[in-house]
Amino acid sequence: MHRAEPPADRGPRGAAPRAWLLMVCIGLLALTLRSPIVALGPVLGELREDLSLSAAQAGLLTSIPVLCFAVASPLASLTIRRAGVEFAITLTLLGVLAGTVVRSAGDTAATMLGTVLIGVAITVGNIAVP
């Protein structure tokens, strides 16, 4: 009679590649969530000139993401609770993409609207990732 051998233990070795992949994905997501906000500062002077923004409008443009963080946090928590973390992260990435496209459309209103979209999307991501 032949005895079956127990399955090989794949504990830490089998989980290691997945853990590294998860860490790389979280790092890439973090870069995606930060770049649309921090990229605005260095080009704000050129943006003001191109769009003929006043100092108040430029200040508002840089403040919109922070305002979105404050206002949209309850919405983000609700979205994550109802739709799940994976879907919320997908919405985050699509929202950042849509906001970037709208913000690049050319006029002041599109720039402000795109920044709001980016701010709300990043709010969802900032709550979903941790």
Protein backbone atom coordinates (compact mmCIF):
# COMPACT_ATOMS: atom_id res chain seq x y z
CA MET A 1 0.00 0.00 0.00
CA HIS A 2 1.38 3.38 -1.02
CA ARG A 3 1.14 6.27 1.44
CA ALA A 4 0.42 9.69 0.05
CA GLU A 5 2.96 12.28 1.03
CA PRO A 6 1.68 15.47 2.60
CA PRO A 7 1.60 18.50 0.30
CA ALA A 8 4.69 20.67 0.38
CA ASP A 9 4.41 23.69 2.63
CA ARG A 10 4.40 26.81 0.49
CA GLY A 11 4.01 29.23 3.38
CA PRO A 12 6.40 32.16 3.07
CA ARG A 13 8.01 31.16 -0.24
CA GLY A 14 4.71 30.93 -2.15
CA ALA A 15 3.43 34.18 -0.68
CA ALA A 16 6.61 36.19 -1.26
CA PRO A 17 6.13 36.92 -4.98
CA ARG A 18 2.56 38.04 -4.37
CA ALA A 19 3.62 40.24 -1.46
CA TRP A 20 6.25 41.97 -3.59
CA LEU A 21 3.76 42.45 -6.41
CA LEU A 22 1.30 43.98 -3.97
CA MET A 23 3.95 46.35 -2.64
CA VAL A 24 4.96 47.41 -6.16
CA CYS A 25 1.29 48.02 -7.07
CA ILE A 26 0.73 50.10 -3.93
CA GLY A 27 3.86 52.12 -4.72
CA LEU A 28 2.73 52.78 -8.30
CA LEU A 29 -0.73 53.72 -7.10
CA ALA A 30 0.78 56.13 -4.57
CA LEU A 31 2.81 57.78 -7.32
CA THR A 32 -0.31 58.04 -9.45
CA LEU A 33 -2.21 59.68 -6.61
CA ARG A 34 0.50 62.24 -5.83
CA SER A 35 1.70 63.40 -9.22
CA PRO A 36 -1.41 65.32 -10.39
CA ILE A 37 -1.27 67.45 -7.24
CA VAL A 38 2.45 68.11 -6.89
CA ALA A 39 3.00 68.65 -10.62
CA LEU A 40 0.92 71.82 -10.54
CA GLY A 41 3.24 73.86 -8.30
CA PRO A 42 6.30 74.07 -10.55
CA VAL A 43 4.29 75.14 -13.60
CA LEU A 44 1.83 77.45 -11.85
CA GLY A 45 3.46 80.61 -13.21
CA GLU A 46 3.26 79.37 -16.79
CA LEU A 47 -0.28 78.15 -16.20
CA ARG A 48 -1.31 81.55 -14.85
CA GLU A 49 0.13 83.20 -17.92
CA ASP A 50 -1.40 80.77 -20.43
CA LEU A 51 -4.88 80.82 -18.89
CA SER A 52 -4.76 84.46 -17.72
CA LEU A 53 -5.49 83.40 -14.15
CA SER A 54 -5.63 85.92 -11.36
CA ALA A 55 -3.68 85.28 -8.15
CA ALA A 56 -6.94 84.26 -6.46
CA GLN A 57 -7.77 81.77 -9.22
CA ALA A 58 -4.27 80.29 -9.05
CA GLY A 59 -4.61 79.99 -5.28
CA LEU A 60 -7.97 78.29 -5.69
CA LEU A 61 -6.50 75.90 -8.23
CA THR A 62 -3.85 74.76 -5.77
CA SER A 63 -6.40 74.56 -2.92
CA ILE A 64 -9.05 72.52 -4.73
CA PRO A 65 -7.50 69.09 -3.99
CA VAL A 66 -7.27 69.86 -0.27
CA LEU A 67 -10.87 71.09 -0.24
CA CYS A 68 -11.91 67.89 -2.03
CA PHE A 69 -10.14 65.82 0.63
CA ALA A 70 -12.23 67.53 3.30
CA VAL A 71 -15.56 67.52 1.48
CA ALA A 72 -15.44 64.15 -0.31
CA SER A 73 -14.09 61.95 2.50
CA PRO A 74 -17.56 60.80 3.65
CA LEU A 75 -18.48 60.01 0.04
CA ALA A 76 -15.24 58.08 -0.37
CA SER A 77 -15.88 55.99 2.73
CA LEU A 78 -19.39 55.22 1.56
CA THR A 79 -18.16 54.25 -1.91
CA ILE A 80 -15.53 51.91 -0.49
CA ARG A 81 -18.01 50.33 1.91
CA ARG A 82 -20.63 49.71 -0.77
CA ALA A 83 -18.51 48.93 -3.82
CA GLY A 84 -15.42 47.35 -2.29
CA VAL A 85 -11.79 48.36 -2.20
CA GLU A 86 -10.86 47.00 -5.63
CA PHE A 87 -13.67 48.83 -7.37
CA ALA A 88 -12.89 52.03 -5.44
CA ILE A 89 -9.26 51.88 -6.55
CA THR A 90 -10.39 51.34 -10.14
CA LEU A 91 -12.65 54.39 -9.83
CA THR A 92 -9.71 56.31 -8.42
CA LEU A 93 -7.49 55.55 -11.38
CA LEU A 94 -10.25 56.28 -13.89
CA GLY A 95 -11.09 59.51 -12.07
CA VAL A 96 -7.48 60.70 -12.14
CA LEU A 97 -7.33 59.87 -15.85
CA ALA A 98 -10.60 61.67 -16.61
CA GLY A 99 -9.59 64.67 -14.50
CA THR A 100 -6.24 64.92 -16.25
CA VAL A 101 -7.90 64.84 -19.66
CA VAL A 102 -10.49 67.46 -18.66
CA ARG A 103 -7.86 69.64 -16.97
CA SER A 104 -5.80 69.58 -20.16
CA ALA A 105 -8.74 70.73 -22.30
CA GLY A 106 -7.49 74.27 -22.36
CA ASP A 107 -9.67 76.85 -20.64
CA THR A 108 -9.99 77.98 -17.04
CA ALA A 109 -13.29 76.24 -16.35
CA ALA A 110 -11.96 72.92 -17.66
CA THR A 111 -8.81 73.29 -15.57
CA MET A 112 -10.86 73.89 -12.41
CA LEU A 113 -13.31 71.07 -13.17
CA GLY A 114 -10.51 68.62 -13.99
CA THR A 115 -8.78 69.52 -10.73
CA VAL A 116 -12.01 68.83 -8.82
CA LEU A 117 -12.31 65.43 -10.53
CA ILE A 118 -8.71 64.64 -9.66
CA GLY A 119 -9.20 65.79 -6.06
CA VAL A 120 -12.29 63.63 -5.52
CA ALA A 121 -10.66 60.60 -7.17
CA ILE A 122 -7.53 60.95 -5.07
CA THR A 123 -9.65 61.27 -1.93
CA VAL A 124 -11.20 57.88 -2.65
CA GLY A 125 -7.78 56.38 -3.31
CA ASN A 126 -6.22 57.86 -0.19
CA ILE A 127 -8.89 56.20 1.93
CA ALA A 128 -8.98 52.90 0.02
CA VAL A 129 -5.27 52.11 -0.16
CA PRO A 130 -4.39 51.97 3.57
